[in-house]
Amino acid sequence: MSGNEVTKDEIFGVVRGHILEILTKLAPADVRSDVSMKTLGANSIDRVEVIVKSMADLALKIPLMEFSNVSNIGELVDVFYEKMQVK
């Protein structure tokens, strides 16, 4: 995926796919942009795994510290989107 062509919806799809892959008891409708991964039952390792796998799919390298203030899935998508714009 190259930066200028990817929409926030596409990034959300990537993130949601990894959340559903890791948290297998969730339904796709459970994963919304206004919900945190922690609320969905993801522990810290699960959350890092979602971030790392999503970065790999999006061809991004972002220090994990940049995600420390992310409080929900929508904000996570925003971080990825912003980084893709400056790639």
PDB file of N, CA and C in Angstrom:
ATOM      1  N   MET A   1       0.848  -1.187   0.000  1.00  0.00           N
ATOM      2  CA  MET A   1       0.000   0.000   0.000  1.00  0.00           C
ATOM      3  C   MET A   1       0.884   1.237   0.000  1.00  0.00           C
ATOM      4  N   SER A   2       0.610   2.156  -0.874  1.00  0.00           N
ATOM      5  CA  SER A   2       1.395   3.381  -0.865  1.00  0.00           C
ATOM      6  C   SER A   2       0.591   4.506  -0.231  1.00  0.00           C
ATOM      7  N   GLY A   3       1.278   5.403   0.436  1.00  0.00           N
ATOM      8  CA  GLY A   3       0.707   6.403   1.315  1.00  0.00           C
ATOM      9  C   GLY A   3      -0.439   7.233   0.817  1.00  0.00           C
ATOM     10  N   ASN A   4      -0.296   7.871  -0.322  1.00  0.00           N
ATOM     11  CA  ASN A   4      -1.307   8.828  -0.742  1.00  0.00           C
ATOM     12  C   ASN A   4      -2.601   8.176  -1.214  1.00  0.00           C
ATOM     13  N   GLU A   5      -2.579   6.890  -1.469  1.00  0.00           N
ATOM     14  CA  GLU A   5      -3.759   6.230  -1.998  1.00  0.00           C
ATOM     15  C   GLU A   5      -4.600   5.563  -0.925  1.00  0.00           C
ATOM     16  N   VAL A   6      -4.068   5.405   0.256  1.00  0.00           N
ATOM     17  CA  VAL A   6      -4.751   4.648   1.296  1.00  0.00           C
ATOM     18  C   VAL A   6      -5.672   5.559   2.096  1.00  0.00           C
ATOM     19  N   THR A   7      -6.925   5.130   2.263  1.00  0.00           N
ATOM     20  CA  THR A   7      -7.892   5.905   3.034  1.00  0.00           C
ATOM     21  C   THR A   7      -7.912   5.425   4.478  1.00  0.00           C
ATOM     22  N   LYS A   8      -8.511   6.238   5.335  1.00  0.00           N
ATOM     23  CA  LYS A   8      -8.659   5.835   6.735  1.00  0.00           C
ATOM     24  C   LYS A   8      -9.510   4.570   6.833  1.00  0.00           C
ATOM     25  N   ASP A   9     -10.506   4.435   5.971  1.00  0.00           N
ATOM     26  CA  ASP A   9     -11.342   3.224   5.989  1.00  0.00           C
ATOM     27  C   ASP A   9     -10.521   1.982   5.671  1.00  0.00           C
ATOM     28  N   GLU A  10      -9.598   2.107   4.729  1.00  0.00           N
ATOM     29  CA  GLU A  10      -8.749   0.961   4.379  1.00  0.00           C
ATOM     30  C   GLU A  10      -7.807   0.618   5.536  1.00  0.00           C
ATOM     31  N   ILE A  11      -7.268   1.638   6.182  1.00  0.00           N
ATOM     32  CA  ILE A  11      -6.397   1.403   7.333  1.00  0.00           C
ATOM     33  C   ILE A  11      -7.203   0.751   8.451  1.00  0.00           C
ATOM     34  N   PHE A  12      -8.412   1.244   8.689  1.00  0.00           N
ATOM     35  CA  PHE A  12      -9.279   0.642   9.710  1.00  0.00           C
ATOM     36  C   PHE A  12      -9.527  -0.838   9.389  1.00  0.00           C
ATOM     37  N   GLY A  13      -9.707  -1.147   8.115  1.00  0.00           N
ATOM     38  CA  GLY A  13      -9.914  -2.536   7.711  1.00  0.00           C
ATOM     39  C   GLY A  13      -8.725  -3.416   8.053  1.00  0.00           C
ATOM     40  N   VAL A  14      -7.526  -2.897   7.852  1.00  0.00           N
ATOM     41  CA  VAL A  14      -6.305  -3.637   8.184  1.00  0.00           C
ATOM     42  C   VAL A  14      -6.245  -3.880   9.691  1.00  0.00           C
ATOM     43  N   VAL A  15      -6.449  -2.812  10.466  1.00  0.00           N
ATOM     44  CA  VAL A  15      -6.388  -2.911  11.925  1.00  0.00           C
ATOM     45  C   VAL A  15      -7.471  -3.863  12.432  1.00  0.00           C
ATOM     46  N   ARG A  16      -8.694  -3.701  11.935  1.00  0.00           N
ATOM     47  CA  ARG A  16      -9.795  -4.560  12.374  1.00  0.00           C
ATOM     48  C   ARG A  16      -9.510  -6.021  12.046  1.00  0.00           C
ATOM     49  N   GLY A  17      -8.946  -6.277  10.879  1.00  0.00           N
ATOM     50  CA  GLY A  17      -8.612  -7.646  10.506  1.00  0.00           C
ATOM     51  C   GLY A  17      -7.656  -8.285  11.495  1.00  0.00           C
ATOM     52  N   HIS A  18      -6.651  -7.533  11.943  1.00  0.00           N
ATOM     53  CA  HIS A  18      -5.690  -8.077  12.907  1.00  0.00           C
ATOM     54  C   HIS A  18      -6.315  -8.236  14.293  1.00  0.00           C
ATOM     55  N   ILE A  19      -7.180  -7.314  14.671  1.00  0.00           N
ATOM     56  CA  ILE A  19      -7.869  -7.460  15.960  1.00  0.00           C
ATOM     57  C   ILE A  19      -8.714  -8.732  15.952  1.00  0.00           C
ATOM     58  N   LEU A  20      -9.446  -8.959  14.868  1.00  0.00           N
ATOM     59  CA  LEU A  20     -10.300 -10.146  14.776  1.00  0.00           C
ATOM     60  C   LEU A  20      -9.480 -11.434  14.701  1.00  0.00           C
ATOM     61  N   GLU A  21      -8.297 -11.341  14.111  1.00  0.00           N
ATOM     62  CA  GLU A  21      -7.394 -12.499  14.018  1.00  0.00           C
ATOM     63  C   GLU A  21      -6.845 -12.874  15.400  1.00  0.00           C
ATOM     64  N   ILE A  22      -6.558 -11.864  16.217  1.00  0.00           N
ATOM     65  CA  ILE A  22      -5.942 -12.089  17.521  1.00  0.00           C
ATOM     66  C   ILE A  22      -6.988 -12.340  18.610  1.00  0.00           C
ATOM     67  N   LEU A  23      -8.078 -11.587  18.559  1.00  0.00           N
ATOM     68  CA  LEU A  23      -9.161 -11.746  19.545  1.00  0.00           C
ATOM     69  C   LEU A  23     -10.303 -12.504  18.870  1.00  0.00           C
ATOM     70  N   THR A  24     -10.154 -13.802  18.809  1.00  0.00           N
ATOM     71  CA  THR A  24     -11.023 -14.635  17.961  1.00  0.00           C
ATOM     72  C   THR A  24     -12.468 -14.705  18.416  1.00  0.00           C
ATOM     73  N   LYS A  25     -12.779 -14.284  19.625  1.00  0.00           N
ATOM     74  CA  LYS A  25     -14.166 -14.373  20.101  1.00  0.00           C
ATOM     75  C   LYS A  25     -15.001 -13.158  19.713  1.00  0.00           C
ATOM     76  N   LEU A  26     -14.374 -12.162  19.117  1.00  0.00           N
ATOM     77  CA  LEU A  26     -15.095 -10.944  18.735  1.00  0.00           C
ATOM     78  C   LEU A  26     -15.822 -11.120  17.413  1.00  0.00           C
ATOM     79  N   ALA A  27     -16.937 -10.418  17.286  1.00  0.00           N
ATOM     80  CA  ALA A  27     -17.637 -10.317  16.006  1.00  0.00           C
ATOM     81  C   ALA A  27     -17.132  -9.056  15.308  1.00  0.00           C
ATOM     82  N   PRO A  28     -17.127  -9.043  13.971  1.00  0.00           N
ATOM     83  CA  PRO A  28     -16.668  -7.834  13.263  1.00  0.00           C
ATOM     84  C   PRO A  28     -17.376  -6.559  13.720  1.00  0.00           C
ATOM     85  N   ALA A  29     -18.645  -6.645  14.074  1.00  0.00           N
ATOM     86  CA  ALA A  29     -19.393  -5.461  14.511  1.00  0.00           C
ATOM     87  C   ALA A  29     -18.902  -4.919  15.850  1.00  0.00           C
ATOM     88  N   ASP A  30     -18.193  -5.757  16.632  1.00  0.00           N
ATOM     89  CA  ASP A  30     -17.658  -5.314  17.924  1.00  0.00           C
ATOM     90  C   ASP A  30     -16.521  -4.319  17.753  1.00  0.00           C
ATOM     91  N   VAL A  31     -15.823  -4.398  16.634  1.00  0.00           N
ATOM     92  CA  VAL A  31     -14.622  -3.587  16.418  1.00  0.00           C
ATOM     93  C   VAL A  31     -15.028  -2.289  15.722  1.00  0.00           C
ATOM     94  N   ARG A  32     -15.129  -1.225  16.552  1.00  0.00           N
ATOM     95  CA  ARG A  32     -15.512   0.097  16.046  1.00  0.00           C
ATOM     96  C   ARG A  32     -14.415   1.096  16.379  1.00  0.00           C
ATOM     97  N   SER A  33     -14.388   2.185  15.653  1.00  0.00           N
ATOM     98  CA  SER A  33     -13.315   3.163  15.842  1.00  0.00           C
ATOM     99  C   SER A  33     -13.381   3.866  17.195  1.00  0.00           C
ATOM    100  N   ASP A  34     -14.545   3.889  17.836  1.00  0.00           N
ATOM    101  CA  ASP A  34     -14.683   4.593  19.109  1.00  0.00           C
ATOM    102  C   ASP A  34     -14.390   3.706  20.322  1.00  0.00           C
ATOM    103  N   VAL A  35     -13.979   2.463  20.091  1.00  0.00           N
ATOM    104  CA  VAL A  35     -13.724   1.502  21.166  1.00  0.00           C
ATOM    105  C   VAL A  35     -12.221   1.258  21.276  1.00  0.00           C
ATOM    106  N   SER A  36     -11.753   1.048  22.502  1.00  0.00           N
ATOM    107  CA  SER A  36     -10.333   0.727  22.680  1.00  0.00           C
ATOM    108  C   SER A  36     -10.134  -0.782  22.578  1.00  0.00           C
ATOM    109  N   MET A  37      -8.920  -1.164  22.189  1.00  0.00           N
ATOM    110  CA  MET A  37      -8.611  -2.598  22.130  1.00  0.00           C
ATOM    111  C   MET A  37      -8.678  -3.205  23.522  1.00  0.00           C
ATOM    112  N   LYS A  38      -8.315  -2.421  24.533  1.00  0.00           N
ATOM    113  CA  LYS A  38      -8.371  -2.912  25.909  1.00  0.00           C
ATOM    114  C   LYS A  38      -9.818  -3.254  26.284  1.00  0.00           C
ATOM    115  N   THR A  39     -10.750  -2.391  25.909  1.00  0.00           N
ATOM    116  CA  THR A  39     -12.165  -2.638  26.176  1.00  0.00           C
ATOM    117  C   THR A  39     -12.627  -3.923  25.493  1.00  0.00           C
ATOM    118  N   LEU A  40     -12.064  -4.208  24.331  1.00  0.00           N
ATOM    119  CA  LEU A  40     -12.428  -5.417  23.592  1.00  0.00           C
ATOM    120  C   LEU A  40     -11.795  -6.675  24.186  1.00  0.00           C
ATOM    121  N   GLY A  41     -10.919  -6.504  25.176  1.00  0.00           N
ATOM    122  CA  GLY A  41     -10.313  -7.654  25.839  1.00  0.00           C
ATOM    123  C   GLY A  41      -8.861  -7.914  25.465  1.00  0.00           C
ATOM    124  N   ALA A  42      -8.258  -6.988  24.734  1.00  0.00           N
ATOM    125  CA  ALA A  42      -6.859  -7.169  24.321  1.00  0.00           C
ATOM    126  C   ALA A  42      -5.922  -6.806  25.463  1.00  0.00           C
ATOM    127  N   ASN A  43      -5.007  -7.713  25.785  1.00  0.00           N
ATOM    128  CA  ASN A  43      -3.988  -7.370  26.774  1.00  0.00           C
ATOM    129  C   ASN A  43      -2.874  -6.589  26.073  1.00  0.00           C
ATOM    130  N   SER A  44      -1.859  -6.197  26.822  1.00  0.00           N
ATOM    131  CA  SER A  44      -0.812  -5.347  26.232  1.00  0.00           C
ATOM    132  C   SER A  44      -0.070  -6.057  25.101  1.00  0.00           C
ATOM    133  N   ILE A  45       0.142  -7.354  25.218  1.00  0.00           N
ATOM    134  CA  ILE A  45       0.821  -8.100  24.151  1.00  0.00           C
ATOM    135  C   ILE A  45      -0.056  -8.149  22.903  1.00  0.00           C
ATOM    136  N   ASP A  46      -1.352  -8.374  23.089  1.00  0.00           N
ATOM    137  CA  ASP A  46      -2.287  -8.385  21.960  1.00  0.00           C
ATOM    138  C   ASP A  46      -2.258  -7.036  21.234  1.00  0.00           C
ATOM    139  N   ARG A  47      -2.266  -5.955  22.011  1.00  0.00           N
ATOM    140  CA  ARG A  47      -2.308  -4.616  21.408  1.00  0.00           C
ATOM    141  C   ARG A  47      -1.045  -4.345  20.599  1.00  0.00           C
ATOM    142  N   VAL A  48       0.112  -4.717  21.148  1.00  0.00           N
ATOM    143  CA  VAL A  48       1.370  -4.530  20.417  1.00  0.00           C
ATOM    144  C   VAL A  48       1.360  -5.375  19.147  1.00  0.00           C
ATOM    145  N   GLU A  49       0.844  -6.601  19.247  1.00  0.00           N
ATOM    146  CA  GLU A  49       0.802  -7.476  18.077  1.00  0.00           C
ATOM    147  C   GLU A  49      -0.071  -6.874  16.963  1.00  0.00           C
ATOM    148  N   VAL A  50      -1.212  -6.308  17.328  1.00  0.00           N
ATOM    149  CA  VAL A  50      -2.078  -5.650  16.339  1.00  0.00           C
ATOM    150  C   VAL A  50      -1.332  -4.499  15.678  1.00  0.00           C
ATOM    151  N   ILE A  51      -0.648  -3.692  16.482  1.00  0.00           N
ATOM    152  CA  ILE A  51       0.078  -2.534  15.950  1.00  0.00           C
ATOM    153  C   ILE A  51       1.208  -2.981  15.017  1.00  0.00           C
ATOM    154  N   VAL A  52       1.997  -3.955  15.450  1.00  0.00           N
ATOM    155  CA  VAL A  52       3.141  -4.405  14.663  1.00  0.00           C
ATOM    156  C   VAL A  52       2.682  -5.046  13.354  1.00  0.00           C
ATOM    157  N   LYS A  53       1.659  -5.894  13.413  1.00  0.00           N
ATOM    158  CA  LYS A  53       1.163  -6.531  12.187  1.00  0.00           C
ATOM    159  C   LYS A  53       0.560  -5.495  11.238  1.00  0.00           C
ATOM    160  N   SER A  54      -0.143  -4.514  11.790  1.00  0.00           N
ATOM    161  CA  SER A  54      -0.725  -3.462  10.954  1.00  0.00           C
ATOM    162  C   SER A  54       0.365  -2.626  10.299  1.00  0.00           C
ATOM    163  N   MET A  55       1.419  -2.299  11.058  1.00  0.00           N
ATOM    164  CA  MET A  55       2.529  -1.551  10.474  1.00  0.00           C
ATOM    165  C   MET A  55       3.173  -2.336   9.337  1.00  0.00           C
ATOM    166  N   ALA A  56       3.317  -3.637   9.518  1.00  0.00           N
ATOM    167  CA  ALA A  56       3.911  -4.459   8.460  1.00  0.00           C
ATOM    168  C   ALA A  56       3.053  -4.411   7.202  1.00  0.00           C
ATOM    169  N   ASP A  57       1.749  -4.560   7.351  1.00  0.00           N
ATOM    170  CA  ASP A  57       0.851  -4.511   6.192  1.00  0.00           C
ATOM    171  C   ASP A  57       0.867  -3.154   5.505  1.00  0.00           C
ATOM    172  N   LEU A  58       1.029  -2.101   6.295  1.00  0.00           N
ATOM    173  CA  LEU A  58       0.997  -0.742   5.757  1.00  0.00           C
ATOM    174  C   LEU A  58       2.389  -0.242   5.364  1.00  0.00           C
ATOM    175  N   ALA A  59       3.404  -1.083   5.526  1.00  0.00           N
ATOM    176  CA  ALA A  59       4.792  -0.736   5.207  1.00  0.00           C
ATOM    177  C   ALA A  59       5.246   0.511   5.966  1.00  0.00           C
ATOM    178  N   LEU A  60       4.941   0.528   7.263  1.00  0.00           N
ATOM    179  CA  LEU A  60       5.326   1.640   8.123  1.00  0.00           C
ATOM    180  C   LEU A  60       6.279   1.160   9.207  1.00  0.00           C
ATOM    181  N   LYS A  61       7.142   2.061   9.655  1.00  0.00           N
ATOM    182  CA  LYS A  61       7.979   1.808  10.822  1.00  0.00           C
ATOM    183  C   LYS A  61       7.806   3.006  11.744  1.00  0.00           C
ATOM    184  N   ILE A  62       7.133   2.765  12.857  1.00  0.00           N
ATOM    185  CA  ILE A  62       6.839   3.824  13.819  1.00  0.00           C
ATOM    186  C   ILE A  62       7.266   3.320  15.195  1.00  0.00           C
ATOM    187  N   PRO A  63       8.017   4.126  15.960  1.00  0.00           N
ATOM    188  CA  PRO A  63       8.373   3.701  17.314  1.00  0.00           C
ATOM    189  C   PRO A  63       7.106   3.461  18.149  1.00  0.00           C
ATOM    190  N   LEU A  64       7.079   2.375  18.900  1.00  0.00           N
ATOM    191  CA  LEU A  64       5.885   2.029  19.679  1.00  0.00           C
ATOM    192  C   LEU A  64       5.504   3.116  20.682  1.00  0.00           C
ATOM    193  N   MET A  65       6.464   3.899  21.123  1.00  0.00           N
ATOM    194  CA  MET A  65       6.164   4.993  22.065  1.00  0.00           C
ATOM    195  C   MET A  65       5.180   5.999  21.476  1.00  0.00           C
ATOM    196  N   GLU A  66       5.135   6.098  20.150  1.00  0.00           N
ATOM    197  CA  GLU A  66       4.226   7.053  19.519  1.00  0.00           C
ATOM    198  C   GLU A  66       2.757   6.644  19.665  1.00  0.00           C
ATOM    199  N   PHE A  67       2.530   5.444  20.149  1.00  0.00           N
ATOM    200  CA  PHE A  67       1.159   4.962  20.331  1.00  0.00           C
ATOM    201  C   PHE A  67       0.701   5.063  21.784  1.00  0.00           C
ATOM    202  N   SER A  68       1.543   5.611  22.654  1.00  0.00           N
ATOM    203  CA  SER A  68       1.234   5.611  24.088  1.00  0.00           C
ATOM    204  C   SER A  68       0.004   6.446  24.439  1.00  0.00           C
ATOM    205  N   ASN A  69      -0.320   7.453  23.663  1.00  0.00           N
ATOM    206  CA  ASN A  69      -1.489   8.296  23.962  1.00  0.00           C
ATOM    207  C   ASN A  69      -2.728   7.899  23.169  1.00  0.00           C
ATOM    208  N   VAL A  70      -2.656   6.814  22.424  1.00  0.00           N
ATOM    209  CA  VAL A  70      -3.798   6.365  21.634  1.00  0.00           C
ATOM    210  C   VAL A  70      -4.820   5.725  22.577  1.00  0.00           C
ATOM    211  N   SER A  71      -6.056   6.245  22.550  1.00  0.00           N
ATOM    212  CA  SER A  71      -7.054   5.726  23.489  1.00  0.00           C
ATOM    213  C   SER A  71      -8.126   4.857  22.839  1.00  0.00           C
ATOM    214  N   ASN A  72      -8.222   4.874  21.506  1.00  0.00           N
ATOM    215  CA  ASN A  72      -9.193   4.001  20.847  1.00  0.00           C
ATOM    216  C   ASN A  72      -8.708   3.634  19.440  1.00  0.00           C
ATOM    217  N   ILE A  73      -9.450   2.786  18.785  1.00  0.00           N
ATOM    218  CA  ILE A  73      -9.033   2.283  17.478  1.00  0.00           C
ATOM    219  C   ILE A  73      -8.997   3.404  16.439  1.00  0.00           C
ATOM    220  N   GLY A  74      -9.920   4.337  16.526  1.00  0.00           N
ATOM    221  CA  GLY A  74      -9.925   5.472  15.602  1.00  0.00           C
ATOM    222  C   GLY A  74      -8.656   6.301  15.689  1.00  0.00           C
ATOM    223  N   GLU A  75      -8.177   6.518  16.914  1.00  0.00           N
ATOM    224  CA  GLU A  75      -6.933   7.279  17.093  1.00  0.00           C
ATOM    225  C   GLU A  75      -5.737   6.498  16.557  1.00  0.00           C
ATOM    226  N   LEU A  76      -5.771   5.186  16.693  1.00  0.00           N
ATOM    227  CA  LEU A  76      -4.715   4.339  16.129  1.00  0.00           C
ATOM    228  C   LEU A  76      -4.692   4.494  14.604  1.00  0.00           C
ATOM    229  N   VAL A  77      -5.864   4.445  13.991  1.00  0.00           N
ATOM    230  CA  VAL A  77      -5.978   4.636  12.542  1.00  0.00           C
ATOM    231  C   VAL A  77      -5.441   6.014  12.152  1.00  0.00           C
ATOM    232  N   ASP A  78      -5.756   7.031  12.951  1.00  0.00           N
ATOM    233  CA  ASP A  78      -5.277   8.387  12.665  1.00  0.00           C
ATOM    234  C   ASP A  78      -3.751   8.459  12.658  1.00  0.00           C
ATOM    235  N   VAL A  79      -3.110   7.792  13.623  1.00  0.00           N
ATOM    236  CA  VAL A  79      -1.636   7.790  13.676  1.00  0.00           C
ATOM    237  C   VAL A  79      -1.079   7.148  12.403  1.00  0.00           C
ATOM    238  N   PHE A  80      -1.615   5.987  12.032  1.00  0.00           N
ATOM    239  CA  PHE A  80      -1.147   5.317  10.816  1.00  0.00           C
ATOM    240  C   PHE A  80      -1.382   6.206   9.591  1.00  0.00           C
ATOM    241  N   TYR A  81      -2.550   6.826   9.510  1.00  0.00           N
ATOM    242  CA  TYR A  81      -2.891   7.663   8.356  1.00  0.00           C
ATOM    243  C   TYR A  81      -1.909   8.837   8.240  1.00  0.00           C
ATOM    244  N   GLU A  82      -1.674   9.511   9.368  1.00  0.00           N
ATOM    245  CA  GLU A  82      -0.742  10.656   9.342  1.00  0.00           C
ATOM    246  C   GLU A  82       0.653  10.230   8.898  1.00  0.00           C
ATOM    247  N   LYS A  83       1.128   9.098   9.398  1.00  0.00           N
ATOM    248  CA  LYS A  83       2.463   8.628   9.031  1.00  0.00           C
ATOM    249  C   LYS A  83       2.536   8.235   7.560  1.00  0.00           C
ATOM    250  N   MET A  84       1.434   7.762   7.022  1.00  0.00           N
ATOM    251  CA  MET A  84       1.434   7.374   5.600  1.00  0.00           C
ATOM    252  C   MET A  84       1.464   8.605   4.693  1.00  0.00           C
ATOM    253  N   GLN A  85       0.986   9.723   5.196  1.00  0.00           N
ATOM    254  CA  GLN A  85       0.979  10.951   4.391  1.00  0.00           C
ATOM    255  C   GLN A  85       2.382  11.530   4.234  1.00  0.00           C
ATOM    256  N   VAL A  86       3.267  11.245   5.189  1.00  0.00           N
ATOM    257  CA  VAL A  86       4.615  11.816   5.140  1.00  0.00           C
ATOM    258  C   VAL A  86       5.660  10.824   4.666  1.00  0.00           C
ATOM    259  N   LYS A  87       5.236   9.616   4.303  1.00  0.00           N
ATOM    260  CA  LYS A  87       6.172   8.590   3.837  1.00  0.00           C
ATOM    261  C   LYS A  87       6.859   8.996   2.553  1.00  0.00           C
TER     262      LYS A  87
END
